[in-house]
Amino acid sequence: MVAGDRDQSLMSGRGPDWFTDAYTHSPGATHLLTLFGAEHSPGGIPNWEAAETTDENPERVAVLQRLTAAYLRSALNPSDTSWKRASCALADAGSAIGRIDSK
């Protein structure tokens, strides 16, 4: 799961924690990447013809790209250690860019 700590939704008045419910309440979601200062569309493409984003911070976009690729590599190949290395690198950097919670 990925969430920004400044996520807002027109579907809920709860604020950013609404986006973390799938991690909090689902037994299947084992990791939550929280990007600090990020909104709901950090440099992504929300649909086929759209190019807009609510967050164009290049560092957050790069971290999201690296961690997503590392997670997918490790999820598809259990012997791949990309996710462990990438998540440790984020934690070791003491970065103000985000954090990973795991359960």
PDB file of N, CA and C in Angstrom:
ATOM      1  N   MET A   1       0.848  -1.173   0.000  1.00  0.00           N
ATOM      2  CA  MET A   1       0.000   0.000   0.000  1.00  0.00           C
ATOM      3  C   MET A   1       0.894   1.237   0.000  1.00  0.00           C
ATOM      4  N   VAL A   2       0.418   2.273  -0.661  1.00  0.00           N
ATOM      5  CA  VAL A   2       1.117   3.553  -0.690  1.00  0.00           C
ATOM      6  C   VAL A   2       0.112   4.642  -0.349  1.00  0.00           C
ATOM      7  N   ALA A   3       0.515   5.568   0.499  1.00  0.00           N
ATOM      8  CA  ALA A   3      -0.344   6.700   0.854  1.00  0.00           C
ATOM      9  C   ALA A   3       0.523   7.924   1.065  1.00  0.00           C
ATOM     10  N   GLY A   4      -0.067   9.066   0.834  1.00  0.00           N
ATOM     11  CA  GLY A   4       0.584  10.329   1.146  1.00  0.00           C
ATOM     12  C   GLY A   4      -0.009  10.877   2.427  1.00  0.00           C
ATOM     13  N   ASP A   5       0.802  11.516   3.246  1.00  0.00           N
ATOM     14  CA  ASP A   5       0.256  12.028   4.507  1.00  0.00           C
ATOM     15  C   ASP A   5      -0.559  13.310   4.316  1.00  0.00           C
ATOM     16  N   ARG A   6      -0.697  13.746   3.065  1.00  0.00           N
ATOM     17  CA  ARG A   6      -1.573  14.881   2.738  1.00  0.00           C
ATOM     18  C   ARG A   6      -2.691  14.476   1.780  1.00  0.00           C
ATOM     19  N   ASP A   7      -2.926  13.150   1.674  1.00  0.00           N
ATOM     20  CA  ASP A   7      -4.023  12.650   0.844  1.00  0.00           C
ATOM     21  C   ASP A   7      -5.350  13.214   1.339  1.00  0.00           C
ATOM     22  N   GLN A   8      -6.179  13.621   0.415  1.00  0.00           N
ATOM     23  CA  GLN A   8      -7.543  14.051   0.718  1.00  0.00           C
ATOM     24  C   GLN A   8      -8.452  13.441  -0.335  1.00  0.00           C
ATOM     25  N   SER A   9      -9.666  13.086   0.071  1.00  0.00           N
ATOM     26  CA  SER A   9     -10.602  12.501  -0.870  1.00  0.00           C
ATOM     27  C   SER A   9     -11.947  13.192  -0.756  1.00  0.00           C
ATOM     28  N   LEU A  10     -12.583  13.385  -1.900  1.00  0.00           N
ATOM     29  CA  LEU A  10     -13.941  13.913  -1.897  1.00  0.00           C
ATOM     30  C   LEU A  10     -14.930  12.858  -1.416  1.00  0.00           C
ATOM     31  N   MET A  11     -14.474  11.602  -1.342  1.00  0.00           N
ATOM     32  CA  MET A  11     -15.346  10.502  -0.921  1.00  0.00           C
ATOM     33  C   MET A  11     -15.395  10.338   0.595  1.00  0.00           C
ATOM     34  N   SER A  12     -14.511  11.023   1.315  1.00  0.00           N
ATOM     35  CA  SER A  12     -14.459  10.886   2.768  1.00  0.00           C
ATOM     36  C   SER A  12     -13.980  12.186   3.389  1.00  0.00           C
ATOM     37  N   GLY A  13     -14.517  12.497   4.519  1.00  0.00           N
ATOM     38  CA  GLY A  13     -14.070  13.675   5.258  1.00  0.00           C
ATOM     39  C   GLY A  13     -13.020  13.338   6.300  1.00  0.00           C
ATOM     40  N   ARG A  14     -12.569  12.086   6.343  1.00  0.00           N
ATOM     41  CA  ARG A  14     -11.638  11.652   7.380  1.00  0.00           C
ATOM     42  C   ARG A  14     -10.223  12.172   7.201  1.00  0.00           C
ATOM     43  N   GLY A  15      -9.811  12.420   6.002  1.00  0.00           N
ATOM     44  CA  GLY A  15      -8.439  12.866   5.792  1.00  0.00           C
ATOM     45  C   GLY A  15      -7.528  11.743   5.366  1.00  0.00           C
ATOM     46  N   PRO A  16      -6.218  11.952   5.524  1.00  0.00           N
ATOM     47  CA  PRO A  16      -5.234  10.997   5.002  1.00  0.00           C
ATOM     48  C   PRO A  16      -5.363   9.577   5.537  1.00  0.00           C
ATOM     49  N   ASP A  17      -5.840   9.392   6.770  1.00  0.00           N
ATOM     50  CA  ASP A  17      -5.922   8.033   7.313  1.00  0.00           C
ATOM     51  C   ASP A  17      -6.929   7.169   6.567  1.00  0.00           C
ATOM     52  N   TRP A  18      -7.860   7.766   5.844  1.00  0.00           N
ATOM     53  CA  TRP A  18      -8.839   7.007   5.070  1.00  0.00           C
ATOM     54  C   TRP A  18      -8.141   6.131   4.027  1.00  0.00           C
ATOM     55  N   PHE A  19      -7.035   6.628   3.493  1.00  0.00           N
ATOM     56  CA  PHE A  19      -6.310   5.904   2.450  1.00  0.00           C
ATOM     57  C   PHE A  19      -5.485   4.738   2.998  1.00  0.00           C
ATOM     58  N   THR A  20      -5.319   4.651   4.289  1.00  0.00           N
ATOM     59  CA  THR A  20      -4.518   3.574   4.879  1.00  0.00           C
ATOM     60  C   THR A  20      -5.378   2.448   5.439  1.00  0.00           C
ATOM     61  N   ASP A  21      -6.693   2.547   5.302  1.00  0.00           N
ATOM     62  CA  ASP A  21      -7.581   1.508   5.834  1.00  0.00           C
ATOM     63  C   ASP A  21      -7.280   0.125   5.275  1.00  0.00           C
ATOM     64  N   ALA A  22      -6.953   0.035   4.004  1.00  0.00           N
ATOM     65  CA  ALA A  22      -6.672  -1.281   3.410  1.00  0.00           C
ATOM     66  C   ALA A  22      -5.470  -1.934   4.096  1.00  0.00           C
ATOM     67  N   TYR A  23      -4.481  -1.148   4.468  1.00  0.00           N
ATOM     68  CA  TYR A  23      -3.329  -1.691   5.192  1.00  0.00           C
ATOM     69  C   TYR A  23      -3.725  -2.026   6.633  1.00  0.00           C
ATOM     70  N   THR A  24      -4.410  -1.106   7.279  1.00  0.00           N
ATOM     71  CA  THR A  24      -4.758  -1.261   8.694  1.00  0.00           C
ATOM     72  C   THR A  24      -5.688  -2.441   8.928  1.00  0.00           C
ATOM     73  N   HIS A  25      -6.674  -2.628   8.059  1.00  0.00           N
ATOM     74  CA  HIS A  25      -7.730  -3.609   8.316  1.00  0.00           C
ATOM     75  C   HIS A  25      -7.636  -4.887   7.486  1.00  0.00           C
ATOM     76  N   SER A  26      -6.728  -4.952   6.532  1.00  0.00           N
ATOM     77  CA  SER A  26      -6.640  -6.131   5.687  1.00  0.00           C
ATOM     78  C   SER A  26      -5.524  -7.058   6.154  1.00  0.00           C
ATOM     79  N   PRO A  27      -5.810  -8.341   6.249  1.00  0.00           N
ATOM     80  CA  PRO A  27      -4.739  -9.267   6.620  1.00  0.00           C
ATOM     81  C   PRO A  27      -3.731  -9.479   5.499  1.00  0.00           C
ATOM     82  N   GLY A  28      -4.113  -9.137   4.271  1.00  0.00           N
ATOM     83  CA  GLY A  28      -3.233  -9.368   3.130  1.00  0.00           C
ATOM     84  C   GLY A  28      -2.210  -8.273   2.885  1.00  0.00           C
ATOM     85  N   ALA A  29      -2.509  -7.053   3.308  1.00  0.00           N
ATOM     86  CA  ALA A  29      -1.582  -5.936   3.094  1.00  0.00           C
ATOM     87  C   ALA A  29      -0.513  -5.978   4.183  1.00  0.00           C
ATOM     88  N   THR A  30       0.730  -6.185   3.783  1.00  0.00           N
ATOM     89  CA  THR A  30       1.795  -6.367   4.775  1.00  0.00           C
ATOM     90  C   THR A  30       2.730  -5.169   4.909  1.00  0.00           C
ATOM     91  N   HIS A  31       2.689  -4.233   3.957  1.00  0.00           N
ATOM     92  CA  HIS A  31       3.577  -3.074   4.004  1.00  0.00           C
ATOM     93  C   HIS A  31       2.803  -1.811   3.631  1.00  0.00           C
ATOM     94  N   LEU A  32       3.148  -0.716   4.293  1.00  0.00           N
ATOM     95  CA  LEU A  32       2.560   0.588   3.988  1.00  0.00           C
ATOM     96  C   LEU A  32       3.688   1.589   3.807  1.00  0.00           C
ATOM     97  N   LEU A  33       3.792   2.142   2.612  1.00  0.00           N
ATOM     98  CA  LEU A  33       4.735   3.222   2.334  1.00  0.00           C
ATOM     99  C   LEU A  33       3.971   4.529   2.502  1.00  0.00           C
ATOM    100  N   THR A  34       4.381   5.346   3.453  1.00  0.00           N
ATOM    101  CA  THR A  34       3.791   6.663   3.645  1.00  0.00           C
ATOM    102  C   THR A  34       4.788   7.691   3.156  1.00  0.00           C
ATOM    103  N   LEU A  35       4.380   8.472   2.172  1.00  0.00           N
ATOM    104  CA  LEU A  35       5.236   9.520   1.627  1.00  0.00           C
ATOM    105  C   LEU A  35       4.863  10.837   2.297  1.00  0.00           C
ATOM    106  N   PHE A  36       5.840  11.470   2.941  1.00  0.00           N
ATOM    107  CA  PHE A  36       5.593  12.699   3.678  1.00  0.00           C
ATOM    108  C   PHE A  36       5.417  13.873   2.726  1.00  0.00           C
ATOM    109  N   GLY A  37       4.374  14.651   2.965  1.00  0.00           N
ATOM    110  CA  GLY A  37       4.093  15.807   2.131  1.00  0.00           C
ATOM    111  C   GLY A  37       3.400  15.470   0.825  1.00  0.00           C
ATOM    112  N   ALA A  38       3.139  14.190   0.585  1.00  0.00           N
ATOM    113  CA  ALA A  38       2.560  13.755  -0.692  1.00  0.00           C
ATOM    114  C   ALA A  38       1.043  13.817  -0.670  1.00  0.00           C
ATOM    115  N   GLU A  39       0.511  14.134  -1.823  1.00  0.00           N
ATOM    116  CA  GLU A  39      -0.931  14.116  -2.012  1.00  0.00           C
ATOM    117  C   GLU A  39      -1.314  12.806  -2.685  1.00  0.00           C
ATOM    118  N   HIS A  40      -2.494  12.760  -3.305  1.00  0.00           N
ATOM    119  CA  HIS A  40      -2.999  11.483  -3.799  1.00  0.00           C
ATOM    120  C   HIS A  40      -2.382  11.028  -5.121  1.00  0.00           C
ATOM    121  N   SER A  41      -1.934  11.913  -5.951  1.00  0.00           N
ATOM    122  CA  SER A  41      -1.371  11.514  -7.242  1.00  0.00           C
ATOM    123  C   SER A  41       0.072  11.998  -7.361  1.00  0.00           C
ATOM    124  N   PRO A  42       1.003  11.328  -6.681  1.00  0.00           N
ATOM    125  CA  PRO A  42       2.392  11.779  -6.712  1.00  0.00           C
ATOM    126  C   PRO A  42       3.105  11.410  -8.007  1.00  0.00           C
ATOM    127  N   GLY A  43       2.834  12.160  -9.050  1.00  0.00           N
ATOM    128  CA  GLY A  43       3.541  11.950 -10.303  1.00  0.00           C
ATOM    129  C   GLY A  43       3.045  10.787 -11.118  1.00  0.00           C
ATOM    130  N   GLY A  44       1.963  10.174 -10.704  1.00  0.00           N
ATOM    131  CA  GLY A  44       1.453   9.036 -11.444  1.00  0.00           C
ATOM    132  C   GLY A  44       0.535   9.461 -12.575  1.00  0.00           C
ATOM    133  N   ILE A  45       0.043   8.496 -13.297  1.00  0.00           N
ATOM    134  CA  ILE A  45      -0.915   8.745 -14.371  1.00  0.00           C
ATOM    135  C   ILE A  45      -2.226   8.112 -13.920  1.00  0.00           C
ATOM    136  N   PRO A  46      -3.227   8.921 -13.556  1.00  0.00           N
ATOM    137  CA  PRO A  46      -4.445   8.377 -12.978  1.00  0.00           C
ATOM    138  C   PRO A  46      -5.354   7.621 -13.953  1.00  0.00           C
ATOM    139  N   ASN A  47      -5.221   7.876 -15.243  1.00  0.00           N
ATOM    140  CA  ASN A  47      -5.982   7.099 -16.216  1.00  0.00           C
ATOM    141  C   ASN A  47      -5.345   7.245 -17.592  1.00  0.00           C
ATOM    142  N   TRP A  48      -5.889   6.558 -18.576  1.00  0.00           N
ATOM    143  CA  TRP A  48      -5.273   6.447 -19.900  1.00  0.00           C
ATOM    144  C   TRP A  48      -4.951   7.786 -20.543  1.00  0.00           C
ATOM    145  N   GLU A  49      -5.868   8.745 -20.506  1.00  0.00           N
ATOM    146  CA  GLU A  49      -5.680  10.007 -21.220  1.00  0.00           C
ATOM    147  C   GLU A  49      -5.243  11.165 -20.318  1.00  0.00           C
ATOM    148  N   ALA A  50      -5.118  10.944 -19.046  1.00  0.00           N
ATOM    149  CA  ALA A  50      -4.791  12.028 -18.117  1.00  0.00           C
ATOM    150  C   ALA A  50      -3.288  12.145 -17.910  1.00  0.00           C
ATOM    151  N   ALA A  51      -2.824  13.355 -17.755  1.00  0.00           N
ATOM    152  CA  ALA A  51      -1.410  13.600 -17.473  1.00  0.00           C
ATOM    153  C   ALA A  51      -1.256  14.454 -16.222  1.00  0.00           C
ATOM    154  N   GLU A  52      -2.367  14.824 -15.598  1.00  0.00           N
ATOM    155  CA  GLU A  52      -2.280  15.700 -14.430  1.00  0.00           C
ATOM    156  C   GLU A  52      -1.776  14.946 -13.203  1.00  0.00           C
ATOM    157  N   THR A  53      -1.288  15.692 -12.277  1.00  0.00           N
ATOM    158  CA  THR A  53      -0.847  15.160 -11.006  1.00  0.00           C
ATOM    159  C   THR A  53      -1.085  16.233  -9.959  1.00  0.00           C
ATOM    160  N   THR A  54      -1.224  15.832  -8.717  1.00  0.00           N
ATOM    161  CA  THR A  54      -1.375  16.823  -7.651  1.00  0.00           C
ATOM    162  C   THR A  54      -0.061  17.037  -6.920  1.00  0.00           C
ATOM    163  N   ASP A  55       0.944  16.287  -7.287  1.00  0.00           N
ATOM    164  CA  ASP A  55       2.211  16.344  -6.566  1.00  0.00           C
ATOM    165  C   ASP A  55       3.342  16.060  -7.540  1.00  0.00           C
ATOM    166  N   GLU A  56       4.153  17.047  -7.802  1.00  0.00           N
ATOM    167  CA  GLU A  56       5.219  16.882  -8.789  1.00  0.00           C
ATOM    168  C   GLU A  56       6.614  16.902  -8.176  1.00  0.00           C
ATOM    169  N   ASN A  57       6.730  16.547  -6.898  1.00  0.00           N
ATOM    170  CA  ASN A  57       8.026  16.523  -6.251  1.00  0.00           C
ATOM    171  C   ASN A  57       8.864  15.390  -6.849  1.00  0.00           C
ATOM    172  N   PRO A  58       9.962  15.720  -7.556  1.00  0.00           N
ATOM    173  CA  PRO A  58      10.734  14.677  -8.249  1.00  0.00           C
ATOM    174  C   PRO A  58      11.356  13.653  -7.301  1.00  0.00           C
ATOM    175  N   GLU A  59      11.738  14.053  -6.112  1.00  0.00           N
ATOM    176  CA  GLU A  59      12.341  13.101  -5.174  1.00  0.00           C
ATOM    177  C   GLU A  59      11.301  12.073  -4.720  1.00  0.00           C
ATOM    178  N   ARG A  60      10.085  12.527  -4.398  1.00  0.00           N
ATOM    179  CA  ARG A  60       9.032  11.587  -3.988  1.00  0.00           C
ATOM    180  C   ARG A  60       8.676  10.642  -5.129  1.00  0.00           C
ATOM    181  N   VAL A  61       8.586  11.175  -6.340  1.00  0.00           N
ATOM    182  CA  VAL A  61       8.264  10.338  -7.498  1.00  0.00           C
ATOM    183  C   VAL A  61       9.343   9.272  -7.691  1.00  0.00           C
ATOM    184  N   ALA A  62      10.603   9.652  -7.570  1.00  0.00           N
ATOM    185  CA  ALA A  62      11.710   8.696  -7.742  1.00  0.00           C
ATOM    186  C   ALA A  62      11.689   7.621  -6.659  1.00  0.00           C
ATOM    187  N   VAL A  63      11.440   8.011  -5.418  1.00  0.00           N
ATOM    188  CA  VAL A  63      11.365   7.028  -4.320  1.00  0.00           C
ATOM    189  C   VAL A  63      10.207   6.068  -4.569  1.00  0.00           C
ATOM    190  N   LEU A  64       9.071   6.603  -4.978  1.00  0.00           N
ATOM    191  CA  LEU A  64       7.909   5.758  -5.271  1.00  0.00           C
ATOM    192  C   LEU A  64       8.220   4.778  -6.401  1.00  0.00           C
ATOM    193  N   GLN A  65       8.881   5.237  -7.443  1.00  0.00           N
ATOM    194  CA  GLN A  65       9.239   4.355  -8.558  1.00  0.00           C
ATOM    195  C   GLN A  65      10.191   3.250  -8.112  1.00  0.00           C
ATOM    196  N   ARG A  66      11.235   3.629  -7.372  1.00  0.00           N
ATOM    197  CA  ARG A  66      12.229   2.623  -6.930  1.00  0.00           C
ATOM    198  C   ARG A  66      11.597   1.579  -6.010  1.00  0.00           C
ATOM    199  N   LEU A  67      10.806   2.042  -5.045  1.00  0.00           N
ATOM    200  CA  LEU A  67      10.221   1.104  -4.085  1.00  0.00           C
ATOM    201  C   LEU A  67       9.161   0.219  -4.727  1.00  0.00           C
ATOM    202  N   THR A  68       8.369   0.779  -5.635  1.00  0.00           N
ATOM    203  CA  THR A  68       7.363  -0.031  -6.324  1.00  0.00           C
ATOM    204  C   THR A  68       8.028  -1.119  -7.165  1.00  0.00           C
ATOM    205  N   ALA A  69       9.044  -0.765  -7.919  1.00  0.00           N
ATOM    206  CA  ALA A  69       9.756  -1.756  -8.739  1.00  0.00           C
ATOM    207  C   ALA A  69      10.412  -2.819  -7.863  1.00  0.00           C
ATOM    208  N   ALA A  70      11.021  -2.411  -6.763  1.00  0.00           N
ATOM    209  CA  ALA A  70      11.672  -3.371  -5.869  1.00  0.00           C
ATOM    210  C   ALA A  70      10.652  -4.318  -5.255  1.00  0.00           C
ATOM    211  N   TYR A  71       9.508  -3.786  -4.836  1.00  0.00           N
ATOM    212  CA  TYR A  71       8.468  -4.628  -4.248  1.00  0.00           C
ATOM    213  C   TYR A  71       7.973  -5.664  -5.264  1.00  0.00           C
ATOM    214  N   LEU A  72       7.691  -5.212  -6.477  1.00  0.00           N
ATOM    215  CA  LEU A  72       7.190  -6.132  -7.492  1.00  0.00           C
ATOM    216  C   LEU A  72       8.209  -7.209  -7.850  1.00  0.00           C
ATOM    217  N   ARG A  73       9.486  -6.830  -7.959  1.00  0.00           N
ATOM    218  CA  ARG A  73      10.525  -7.831  -8.246  1.00  0.00           C
ATOM    219  C   ARG A  73      10.554  -8.901  -7.157  1.00  0.00           C
ATOM    220  N   SER A  74      10.496  -8.473  -5.910  1.00  0.00           N
ATOM    221  CA  SER A  74      10.561  -9.427  -4.801  1.00  0.00           C
ATOM    222  C   SER A  74       9.281 -10.240  -4.658  1.00  0.00           C
ATOM    223  N   ALA A  75       8.132  -9.623  -4.953  1.00  0.00           N
ATOM    224  CA  ALA A  75       6.866 -10.351  -4.861  1.00  0.00           C
ATOM    225  C   ALA A  75       6.775 -11.437  -5.929  1.00  0.00           C
ATOM    226  N   LEU A  76       7.336 -11.161  -7.085  1.00  0.00           N
ATOM    227  CA  LEU A  76       7.270 -12.124  -8.185  1.00  0.00           C
ATOM    228  C   LEU A  76       8.376 -13.167  -8.141  1.00  0.00           C
ATOM    229  N   ASN A  77       9.437 -12.891  -7.389  1.00  0.00           N
ATOM    230  CA  ASN A  77      10.551 -13.820  -7.258  1.00  0.00           C
ATOM    231  C   ASN A  77      10.984 -13.826  -5.793  1.00  0.00           C
ATOM    232  N   PRO A  78      10.503 -14.776  -5.001  1.00  0.00           N
ATOM    233  CA  PRO A  78      10.786 -14.792  -3.567  1.00  0.00           C
ATOM    234  C   PRO A  78      12.275 -14.785  -3.198  1.00  0.00           C
ATOM    235  N   SER A  79      13.140 -15.183  -4.103  1.00  0.00           N
ATOM    236  CA  SER A  79      14.570 -15.160  -3.783  1.00  0.00           C
ATOM    237  C   SER A  79      15.196 -13.781  -4.037  1.00  0.00           C
ATOM    238  N   ASP A  80      14.446 -12.877  -4.656  1.00  0.00           N
ATOM    239  CA  ASP A  80      14.943 -11.526  -4.943  1.00  0.00           C
ATOM    240  C   ASP A  80      14.898 -10.694  -3.658  1.00  0.00           C
ATOM    241  N   THR A  81      15.977 -10.001  -3.360  1.00  0.00           N
ATOM    242  CA  THR A  81      16.048  -9.199  -2.128  1.00  0.00           C
ATOM    243  C   THR A  81      15.906  -7.697  -2.380  1.00  0.00           C
ATOM    244  N   SER A  82      15.400  -7.342  -3.552  1.00  0.00           N
ATOM    245  CA  SER A  82      15.273  -5.917  -3.900  1.00  0.00           C
ATOM    246  C   SER A  82      14.434  -5.139  -2.895  1.00  0.00           C
ATOM    247  N   TRP A  83      13.289  -5.699  -2.481  1.00  0.00           N
ATOM    248  CA  TRP A  83      12.404  -4.986  -1.554  1.00  0.00           C
ATOM    249  C   TRP A  83      13.094  -4.776  -0.207  1.00  0.00           C
ATOM    250  N   LYS A  84      13.735  -5.801   0.299  1.00  0.00           N
ATOM    251  CA  LYS A  84      14.415  -5.675   1.593  1.00  0.00           C
ATOM    252  C   LYS A  84      15.510  -4.619   1.507  1.00  0.00           C
ATOM    253  N   ARG A  85      16.298  -4.650   0.452  1.00  0.00           N
ATOM    254  CA  ARG A  85      17.375  -3.665   0.295  1.00  0.00           C
ATOM    255  C   ARG A  85      16.820  -2.252   0.153  1.00  0.00           C
ATOM    256  N   ALA A  86      15.781  -2.080  -0.652  1.00  0.00           N
ATOM    257  CA  ALA A  86      15.217  -0.745  -0.888  1.00  0.00           C
ATOM    258  C   ALA A  86      14.555  -0.193   0.371  1.00  0.00           C
ATOM    259  N   SER A  87      13.820  -1.027   1.092  1.00  0.00           N
ATOM    260  CA  SER A  87      13.162  -0.541   2.305  1.00  0.00           C
ATOM    261  C   SER A  87      14.185  -0.239   3.398  1.00  0.00           C
ATOM    262  N   CYS A  88      15.232  -1.030   3.484  1.00  0.00           N
ATOM    263  CA  CYS A  88      16.306  -0.742   4.452  1.00  0.00           C
ATOM    264  C   CYS A  88      17.035   0.549   4.081  1.00  0.00           C
ATOM    265  N   ALA A  89      17.252   0.769   2.803  1.00  0.00           N
ATOM    266  CA  ALA A  89      17.924   1.995   2.354  1.00  0.00           C
ATOM    267  C   ALA A  89      17.113   3.225   2.729  1.00  0.00           C
ATOM    268  N   LEU A  90      15.785   3.146   2.589  1.00  0.00           N
ATOM    269  CA  LEU A  90      14.934   4.270   2.977  1.00  0.00           C
ATOM    270  C   LEU A  90      15.029   4.515   4.475  1.00  0.00           C
ATOM    271  N   ALA A  91      14.970   3.451   5.263  1.00  0.00           N
ATOM    272  CA  ALA A  91      15.058   3.587   6.718  1.00  0.00           C
ATOM    273  C   ALA A  91      16.433   4.083   7.150  1.00  0.00           C
ATOM    274  N   ASP A  92      17.490   3.549   6.547  1.00  0.00           N
ATOM    275  CA  ASP A  92      18.854   3.930   6.922  1.00  0.00           C
ATOM    276  C   ASP A  92      19.169   5.378   6.569  1.00  0.00           C
ATOM    277  N   ALA A  93      18.523   5.888   5.528  1.00  0.00           N
ATOM    278  CA  ALA A  93      18.774   7.264   5.101  1.00  0.00           C
ATOM    279  C   ALA A  93      18.195   8.269   6.093  1.00  0.00           C
ATOM    280  N   GLY A  94      17.282   7.793   6.969  1.00  0.00           N
ATOM    281  CA  GLY A  94      16.646   8.713   7.894  1.00  0.00           C
ATOM    282  C   GLY A  94      15.940   9.816   7.126  1.00  0.00           C
ATOM    283  N   SER A  95      15.459   9.453   5.967  1.00  0.00           N
ATOM    284  CA  SER A  95      14.896  10.409   5.023  1.00  0.00           C
ATOM    285  C   SER A  95      13.608  11.031   5.538  1.00  0.00           C
ATOM    286  N   ALA A  96      13.454  12.282   5.215  1.00  0.00           N
ATOM    287  CA  ALA A  96      12.199  12.981   5.515  1.00  0.00           C
ATOM    288  C   ALA A  96      11.209  12.759   4.377  1.00  0.00           C
ATOM    289  N   ILE A  97      11.530  11.864   3.446  1.00  0.00           N
ATOM    290  CA  ILE A  97      10.674  11.629   2.286  1.00  0.00           C
ATOM    291  C   ILE A  97       9.537  10.651   2.626  1.00  0.00           C
ATOM    292  N   GLY A  98       9.787   9.716   3.540  1.00  0.00           N
ATOM    293  CA  GLY A  98       8.725   8.768   3.879  1.00  0.00           C
ATOM    294  C   GLY A  98       9.207   7.672   4.794  1.00  0.00           C
ATOM    295  N   ARG A  99       8.281   6.751   5.079  1.00  0.00           N
ATOM    296  CA  ARG A  99       8.602   5.602   5.939  1.00  0.00           C
ATOM    297  C   ARG A  99       7.819   4.395   5.488  1.00  0.00           C
ATOM    298  N   ILE A 100       8.300   3.231   5.870  1.00  0.00           N
ATOM    299  CA  ILE A 100       7.601   1.978   5.575  1.00  0.00           C
ATOM    300  C   ILE A 100       7.231   1.326   6.899  1.00  0.00           C
ATOM    301  N   ASP A 101       5.951   1.011   7.040  1.00  0.00           N
ATOM    302  CA  ASP A 101       5.475   0.234   8.170  1.00  0.00           C
ATOM    303  C   ASP A 101       5.183  -1.164   7.655  1.00  0.00           C
ATOM    304  N   SER A 102       5.521  -2.156   8.453  1.00  0.00           N
ATOM    305  CA  SER A 102       5.284  -3.551   8.049  1.00  0.00           C
ATOM    306  C   SER A 102       4.626  -4.301   9.180  1.00  0.00           C
ATOM    307  N   LYS A 103       3.805  -5.263   8.794  1.00  0.00           N
ATOM    308  CA  LYS A 103       3.162  -6.120   9.817  1.00  0.00           C
ATOM    309  C   LYS A 103       3.257  -7.571   9.408  1.00  0.00           C
TER     310      LYS A 103
END
